[in-house]
């Protein structure tokens, strides 16, 4: 999820070109709607720590945990802005820096997909 269309569209297209199914959301409100209504399994959520909506990216991660959403979340943003809020989410992996390094994001996604495969969970969309 990325509110900046000039960032979101090329990134989504890149991931589609890499073979992933991508569902886009403009803000956390749309992400919550997608996560609660989309029939396809969502396995990985990419969110900016400063995402617009009723909650930010960290709030979305907490909402997902509280509501039993099993998708992994990859948070992105500046380390300075995120450090204080990220303490309880550290086990989900390091924060991605923006602007996105597409290869680093792809490697994180591949790692999450491989972990799901080891656990017998089918490959989801992003």
N, C-alpha and C. Protein backbone atom coordinates (compact mmCIF):
# COMPACT_ATOMS: atom_id res chain seq x y z
N UNK A 1 0.85 -1.16 0.00
CA UNK A 1 0.00 0.00 0.00
C UNK A 1 0.90 1.23 0.00
N UNK A 2 0.66 2.09 -0.93
CA UNK A 2 1.43 3.32 -1.07
C UNK A 2 0.49 4.38 -1.58
N UNK A 3 0.42 5.51 -0.88
CA UNK A 3 -0.52 6.56 -1.27
C UNK A 3 -0.04 7.35 -2.48
N UNK A 4 1.25 7.40 -2.71
CA UNK A 4 1.80 8.15 -3.84
C UNK A 4 1.71 7.30 -5.10
N UNK A 5 0.81 7.68 -6.00
CA UNK A 5 0.56 6.90 -7.22
C UNK A 5 1.82 6.78 -8.08
N UNK A 6 2.70 7.77 -8.04
CA UNK A 6 3.93 7.73 -8.84
C UNK A 6 4.93 6.71 -8.28
N UNK A 7 4.74 6.31 -7.05
CA UNK A 7 5.56 5.25 -6.45
C UNK A 7 4.83 3.92 -6.56
N UNK A 8 3.54 3.92 -6.24
CA UNK A 8 2.76 2.68 -6.17
C UNK A 8 2.64 1.98 -7.52
N UNK A 9 2.28 2.70 -8.56
CA UNK A 9 2.02 2.06 -9.86
C UNK A 9 3.25 1.37 -10.43
N UNK A 10 4.42 2.06 -10.51
CA UNK A 10 5.61 1.36 -11.04
C UNK A 10 6.04 0.17 -10.18
N UNK A 11 5.92 0.31 -8.86
CA UNK A 11 6.28 -0.78 -7.97
C UNK A 11 5.35 -1.97 -8.16
N UNK A 12 4.05 -1.71 -8.25
CA UNK A 12 3.08 -2.78 -8.48
C UNK A 12 3.34 -3.47 -9.82
N UNK A 13 3.62 -2.68 -10.84
CA UNK A 13 3.90 -3.26 -12.16
C UNK A 13 5.17 -4.10 -12.14
N UNK A 14 6.20 -3.63 -11.44
CA UNK A 14 7.44 -4.39 -11.29
C UNK A 14 7.15 -5.74 -10.64
N UNK A 15 6.39 -5.75 -9.55
CA UNK A 15 6.09 -7.01 -8.86
C UNK A 15 5.24 -7.93 -9.73
N UNK A 16 4.32 -7.35 -10.50
CA UNK A 16 3.53 -8.18 -11.43
C UNK A 16 4.45 -8.80 -12.49
N UNK A 17 5.40 -8.01 -12.99
CA UNK A 17 6.36 -8.52 -13.96
C UNK A 17 7.20 -9.65 -13.37
N UNK A 18 7.37 -9.64 -12.06
CA UNK A 18 8.12 -10.70 -11.36
C UNK A 18 7.24 -11.92 -11.10
N UNK A 19 5.96 -11.85 -11.50
CA UNK A 19 5.07 -13.00 -11.38
C UNK A 19 4.13 -13.01 -10.20
N UNK A 20 4.05 -11.91 -9.46
CA UNK A 20 3.18 -11.86 -8.30
C UNK A 20 1.84 -11.22 -8.64
N UNK A 21 0.80 -11.70 -7.95
CA UNK A 21 -0.51 -11.07 -8.05
C UNK A 21 -0.50 -9.92 -7.04
N UNK A 22 -0.86 -8.72 -7.48
CA UNK A 22 -0.79 -7.54 -6.63
C UNK A 22 -2.16 -6.89 -6.55
N UNK A 23 -2.58 -6.60 -5.32
CA UNK A 23 -3.80 -5.85 -5.07
C UNK A 23 -3.35 -4.53 -4.46
N UNK A 24 -3.75 -3.42 -5.07
CA UNK A 24 -3.31 -2.10 -4.61
C UNK A 24 -4.35 -1.47 -3.69
N UNK A 25 -3.83 -0.71 -2.72
CA UNK A 25 -4.68 0.07 -1.82
C UNK A 25 -4.07 1.45 -1.69
N UNK A 26 -4.91 2.46 -1.70
CA UNK A 26 -4.45 3.85 -1.61
C UNK A 26 -4.06 4.23 -0.20
N UNK A 27 -4.74 3.67 0.80
CA UNK A 27 -4.49 4.05 2.19
C UNK A 27 -4.85 2.88 3.10
N UNK A 28 -4.68 3.08 4.40
CA UNK A 28 -4.95 1.98 5.33
C UNK A 28 -6.44 1.62 5.39
N UNK A 29 -7.30 2.58 5.16
CA UNK A 29 -8.74 2.28 5.14
C UNK A 29 -9.05 1.28 4.02
N UNK A 30 -8.49 1.52 2.83
CA UNK A 30 -8.70 0.59 1.72
C UNK A 30 -8.03 -0.75 2.00
N UNK A 31 -6.86 -0.72 2.64
CA UNK A 31 -6.16 -1.97 2.96
C UNK A 31 -7.00 -2.84 3.90
N UNK A 32 -7.59 -2.22 4.92
CA UNK A 32 -8.44 -2.96 5.85
C UNK A 32 -9.62 -3.57 5.09
N UNK A 33 -10.21 -2.79 4.19
CA UNK A 33 -11.34 -3.30 3.40
C UNK A 33 -10.90 -4.50 2.55
N UNK A 34 -9.75 -4.38 1.89
CA UNK A 34 -9.24 -5.47 1.07
C UNK A 34 -8.99 -6.71 1.93
N UNK A 35 -8.34 -6.51 3.06
CA UNK A 35 -7.99 -7.64 3.92
C UNK A 35 -9.21 -8.33 4.52
N UNK A 36 -10.32 -7.63 4.61
CA UNK A 36 -11.52 -8.24 5.19
C UNK A 36 -12.54 -8.69 4.15
N UNK A 37 -12.38 -8.29 2.88
CA UNK A 37 -13.39 -8.64 1.89
C UNK A 37 -12.89 -9.38 0.66
N UNK A 38 -11.62 -9.31 0.35
CA UNK A 38 -11.11 -9.95 -0.87
C UNK A 38 -11.13 -11.46 -0.70
N UNK A 39 -11.65 -12.15 -1.72
CA UNK A 39 -11.73 -13.60 -1.66
C UNK A 39 -10.36 -14.26 -1.77
N UNK A 40 -9.45 -13.65 -2.52
CA UNK A 40 -8.11 -14.21 -2.69
C UNK A 40 -7.31 -14.01 -1.41
N UNK A 41 -6.49 -14.99 -1.10
CA UNK A 41 -5.65 -14.87 0.10
C UNK A 41 -4.58 -13.81 -0.13
N UNK A 42 -4.44 -12.92 0.81
CA UNK A 42 -3.38 -11.92 0.79
C UNK A 42 -2.32 -12.42 1.75
N UNK A 43 -1.12 -12.62 1.26
CA UNK A 43 -0.07 -13.19 2.09
C UNK A 43 0.94 -12.17 2.57
N UNK A 44 1.12 -11.09 1.81
CA UNK A 44 2.11 -10.08 2.17
C UNK A 44 1.51 -8.71 1.92
N UNK A 45 1.66 -7.84 2.90
CA UNK A 45 1.19 -6.46 2.79
C UNK A 45 2.40 -5.55 2.89
N UNK A 46 2.56 -4.65 1.92
CA UNK A 46 3.60 -3.64 1.96
C UNK A 46 2.93 -2.34 2.35
N UNK A 47 3.39 -1.72 3.44
CA UNK A 47 2.76 -0.49 3.90
C UNK A 47 3.82 0.52 4.33
N UNK A 48 3.57 1.76 4.01
CA UNK A 48 4.41 2.86 4.47
C UNK A 48 4.06 3.12 5.93
N UNK A 49 5.07 3.37 6.75
CA UNK A 49 4.79 3.64 8.16
C UNK A 49 3.92 4.87 8.34
N UNK A 50 3.97 5.78 7.37
CA UNK A 50 3.18 7.02 7.44
C UNK A 50 1.96 6.97 6.54
N UNK A 51 1.46 5.78 6.24
CA UNK A 51 0.31 5.66 5.36
C UNK A 51 -0.86 6.50 5.85
N UNK A 52 -1.57 7.15 4.91
CA UNK A 52 -2.75 7.91 5.31
C UNK A 52 -3.91 6.96 5.62
N UNK A 53 -4.88 7.48 6.33
CA UNK A 53 -6.05 6.72 6.72
C UNK A 53 -6.30 6.91 8.20
N UNK A 54 -7.25 6.18 8.72
CA UNK A 54 -7.58 6.29 10.15
C UNK A 54 -6.43 5.81 11.02
N UNK A 55 -5.62 4.89 10.50
CA UNK A 55 -4.44 4.39 11.19
C UNK A 55 -3.25 4.48 10.25
N UNK A 56 -2.03 4.50 10.78
CA UNK A 56 -0.85 4.52 9.92
C UNK A 56 -0.40 3.07 9.66
N UNK A 57 0.77 2.91 9.06
CA UNK A 57 1.27 1.57 8.75
C UNK A 57 1.46 0.70 9.98
N UNK A 58 1.95 1.29 11.07
CA UNK A 58 2.10 0.54 12.31
C UNK A 58 0.73 0.16 12.87
N UNK A 59 -0.21 1.06 12.78
CA UNK A 59 -1.56 0.76 13.23
C UNK A 59 -2.16 -0.38 12.43
N UNK A 60 -1.87 -0.39 11.12
CA UNK A 60 -2.35 -1.48 10.27
C UNK A 60 -1.74 -2.80 10.71
N UNK A 61 -0.45 -2.80 11.00
CA UNK A 61 0.21 -4.03 11.46
C UNK A 61 -0.43 -4.52 12.76
N UNK A 62 -0.68 -3.62 13.67
CA UNK A 62 -1.32 -4.00 14.93
C UNK A 62 -2.75 -4.47 14.71
N UNK A 63 -3.48 -3.79 13.81
CA UNK A 63 -4.86 -4.20 13.50
C UNK A 63 -4.85 -5.62 12.93
N UNK A 64 -3.89 -5.88 12.02
CA UNK A 64 -3.81 -7.22 11.41
C UNK A 64 -3.59 -8.29 12.49
N UNK A 65 -2.69 -8.03 13.40
CA UNK A 65 -2.43 -8.99 14.48
C UNK A 65 -3.66 -9.17 15.36
N UNK A 66 -4.29 -8.08 15.71
CA UNK A 66 -5.47 -8.13 16.60
C UNK A 66 -6.64 -8.85 15.96
N UNK A 67 -6.72 -8.82 14.63
CA UNK A 67 -7.85 -9.41 13.92
C UNK A 67 -7.52 -10.76 13.28
N UNK A 68 -6.39 -11.32 13.64
CA UNK A 68 -6.04 -12.66 13.16
C UNK A 68 -5.71 -12.72 11.67
N UNK A 69 -5.33 -11.60 11.09
CA UNK A 69 -4.92 -11.60 9.68
C UNK A 69 -3.53 -12.21 9.62
N UNK A 70 -3.38 -13.32 8.91
CA UNK A 70 -2.12 -14.05 8.92
C UNK A 70 -1.10 -13.54 7.92
N UNK A 71 -1.44 -12.57 7.12
CA UNK A 71 -0.50 -12.03 6.15
C UNK A 71 0.69 -11.40 6.87
N UNK A 72 1.84 -11.50 6.27
CA UNK A 72 3.03 -10.81 6.78
C UNK A 72 2.95 -9.37 6.31
N UNK A 73 3.51 -8.46 7.10
CA UNK A 73 3.54 -7.06 6.68
C UNK A 73 4.98 -6.61 6.57
N UNK A 74 5.27 -5.94 5.46
CA UNK A 74 6.57 -5.32 5.24
C UNK A 74 6.34 -3.82 5.36
N UNK A 75 6.97 -3.20 6.35
CA UNK A 75 6.83 -1.77 6.57
C UNK A 75 7.98 -1.03 5.91
N UNK A 76 7.67 0.12 5.33
CA UNK A 76 8.68 0.94 4.67
C UNK A 76 8.57 2.37 5.16
N UNK A 77 9.67 3.07 5.16
CA UNK A 77 9.68 4.47 5.57
C UNK A 77 11.05 4.86 6.08
N UNK A 78 11.15 6.06 6.57
CA UNK A 78 12.42 6.52 7.10
C UNK A 78 12.62 5.93 8.49
N UNK A 79 13.83 5.55 8.77
CA UNK A 79 14.14 4.92 10.04
C UNK A 79 13.87 5.87 11.20
N UNK A 80 14.21 7.14 11.04
CA UNK A 80 14.01 8.10 12.11
C UNK A 80 12.54 8.18 12.53
N UNK A 81 11.66 8.21 11.56
CA UNK A 81 10.23 8.34 11.84
C UNK A 81 9.66 7.07 12.46
N UNK A 82 10.24 5.94 12.09
CA UNK A 82 9.66 4.67 12.49
C UNK A 82 10.25 4.07 13.75
N UNK A 83 11.45 4.44 14.12
CA UNK A 83 12.18 3.73 15.18
C UNK A 83 11.39 3.63 16.49
N UNK A 84 10.81 4.70 16.95
CA UNK A 84 10.11 4.67 18.23
C UNK A 84 8.86 3.80 18.18
N UNK A 85 8.18 3.78 17.04
CA UNK A 85 6.93 3.02 16.92
C UNK A 85 7.17 1.54 16.64
N UNK A 86 8.35 1.18 16.14
CA UNK A 86 8.58 -0.17 15.63
C UNK A 86 9.00 -1.19 16.67
N UNK A 87 9.21 -0.80 17.89
CA UNK A 87 9.77 -1.71 18.89
C UNK A 87 9.00 -3.01 19.02
N UNK A 88 7.68 -2.96 19.01
CA UNK A 88 6.90 -4.19 19.19
C UNK A 88 6.71 -4.98 17.91
N UNK A 89 7.23 -4.47 16.78
CA UNK A 89 7.08 -5.19 15.51
C UNK A 89 8.41 -5.73 14.99
N UNK A 90 9.46 -5.68 15.77
CA UNK A 90 10.80 -6.02 15.31
C UNK A 90 10.92 -7.42 14.73
N UNK A 91 10.16 -8.38 15.22
CA UNK A 91 10.32 -9.73 14.72
C UNK A 91 9.86 -9.89 13.27
N UNK A 92 9.18 -8.90 12.72
CA UNK A 92 8.74 -8.98 11.33
C UNK A 92 9.83 -8.59 10.34
N UNK A 93 11.00 -8.26 10.80
CA UNK A 93 12.11 -7.94 9.92
C UNK A 93 12.38 -6.46 9.89
N UNK A 94 13.54 -6.10 9.35
CA UNK A 94 13.92 -4.70 9.34
C UNK A 94 13.03 -3.86 8.42
N UNK A 95 12.96 -2.61 8.73
CA UNK A 95 12.19 -1.65 7.95
C UNK A 95 12.88 -1.43 6.61
N UNK A 96 12.12 -1.38 5.53
CA UNK A 96 12.69 -1.04 4.22
C UNK A 96 12.81 0.46 4.12
N UNK A 97 13.89 0.93 3.54
CA UNK A 97 14.08 2.36 3.36
C UNK A 97 13.44 2.80 2.05
N UNK A 98 12.97 4.04 2.04
CA UNK A 98 12.44 4.64 0.82
C UNK A 98 13.43 5.66 0.33
N UNK A 99 13.63 5.83 -0.95
CA UNK A 99 12.87 5.17 -2.02
C UNK A 99 13.18 3.67 -2.05
N UNK A 100 12.22 2.89 -2.53
CA UNK A 100 12.33 1.45 -2.53
C UNK A 100 13.46 0.99 -3.43
N UNK A 101 14.25 0.06 -2.92
CA UNK A 101 15.19 -0.67 -3.75
C UNK A 101 14.42 -1.92 -4.18
N UNK A 102 14.03 -1.97 -5.44
CA UNK A 102 13.16 -3.05 -5.92
C UNK A 102 13.74 -4.42 -5.65
N UNK A 103 15.06 -4.57 -5.80
CA UNK A 103 15.66 -5.88 -5.59
C UNK A 103 15.60 -6.29 -4.12
N UNK A 104 15.78 -5.34 -3.19
CA UNK A 104 15.66 -5.68 -1.77
C UNK A 104 14.23 -6.08 -1.42
N UNK A 105 13.25 -5.36 -1.96
CA UNK A 105 11.86 -5.71 -1.72
C UNK A 105 11.56 -7.09 -2.29
N UNK A 106 12.03 -7.35 -3.50
CA UNK A 106 11.79 -8.66 -4.11
C UNK A 106 12.41 -9.76 -3.26
N UNK A 107 13.61 -9.54 -2.74
CA UNK A 107 14.24 -10.55 -1.89
C UNK A 107 13.45 -10.79 -0.62
N UNK A 108 12.90 -9.72 -0.01
CA UNK A 108 12.06 -9.88 1.20
C UNK A 108 10.81 -10.69 0.86
N UNK A 109 10.19 -10.39 -0.28
CA UNK A 109 8.99 -11.12 -0.68
C UNK A 109 9.32 -12.59 -0.93
N UNK A 110 10.41 -12.86 -1.64
CA UNK A 110 10.82 -14.24 -1.90
C UNK A 110 11.07 -14.99 -0.60
N UNK A 111 11.68 -14.32 0.36
CA UNK A 111 11.95 -14.93 1.66
C UNK A 111 10.65 -15.28 2.38
N UNK A 112 9.68 -14.36 2.35
CA UNK A 112 8.39 -14.62 3.00
C UNK A 112 7.64 -15.76 2.30
N UNK A 113 7.69 -15.79 0.96
CA UNK A 113 7.01 -16.85 0.21
C UNK A 113 7.67 -18.19 0.52
N UNK A 114 9.00 -18.22 0.59
CA UNK A 114 9.72 -19.46 0.91
C UNK A 114 9.37 -19.94 2.32
N UNK A 115 9.27 -19.02 3.27
CA UNK A 115 8.91 -19.38 4.64
C UNK A 115 7.50 -19.97 4.68
N UNK A 116 6.59 -19.36 3.92
CA UNK A 116 5.21 -19.89 3.87
C UNK A 116 5.20 -21.28 3.26
N UNK A 117 6.02 -21.52 2.23
CA UNK A 117 6.09 -22.82 1.58
C UNK A 117 6.62 -23.87 2.55
N UNK A 118 7.62 -23.50 3.36
CA UNK A 118 8.17 -24.43 4.35
C UNK A 118 7.11 -24.81 5.39
N UNK A 119 6.20 -23.90 5.66
CA UNK A 119 5.13 -24.15 6.64
C UNK A 119 3.90 -24.78 6.00
N UNK A 120 3.96 -25.02 4.68
CA UNK A 120 2.84 -25.66 3.99
C UNK A 120 1.71 -24.71 3.65
N UNK A 121 1.96 -23.40 3.69
CA UNK A 121 0.95 -22.41 3.37
C UNK A 121 1.06 -22.07 1.88
N UNK A 122 -0.05 -22.07 1.14
CA UNK A 122 0.02 -21.78 -0.30
C UNK A 122 0.51 -20.36 -0.57
N UNK A 123 1.12 -20.19 -1.77
CA UNK A 123 1.63 -18.87 -2.16
C UNK A 123 0.47 -17.93 -2.39
N UNK A 124 0.45 -16.79 -1.71
CA UNK A 124 -0.64 -15.82 -1.83
C UNK A 124 -0.30 -14.71 -2.80
N UNK A 125 -1.25 -13.80 -2.96
CA UNK A 125 -0.99 -12.56 -3.67
C UNK A 125 -0.38 -11.55 -2.71
N UNK A 126 0.05 -10.45 -3.25
CA UNK A 126 0.68 -9.40 -2.45
C UNK A 126 -0.27 -8.23 -2.36
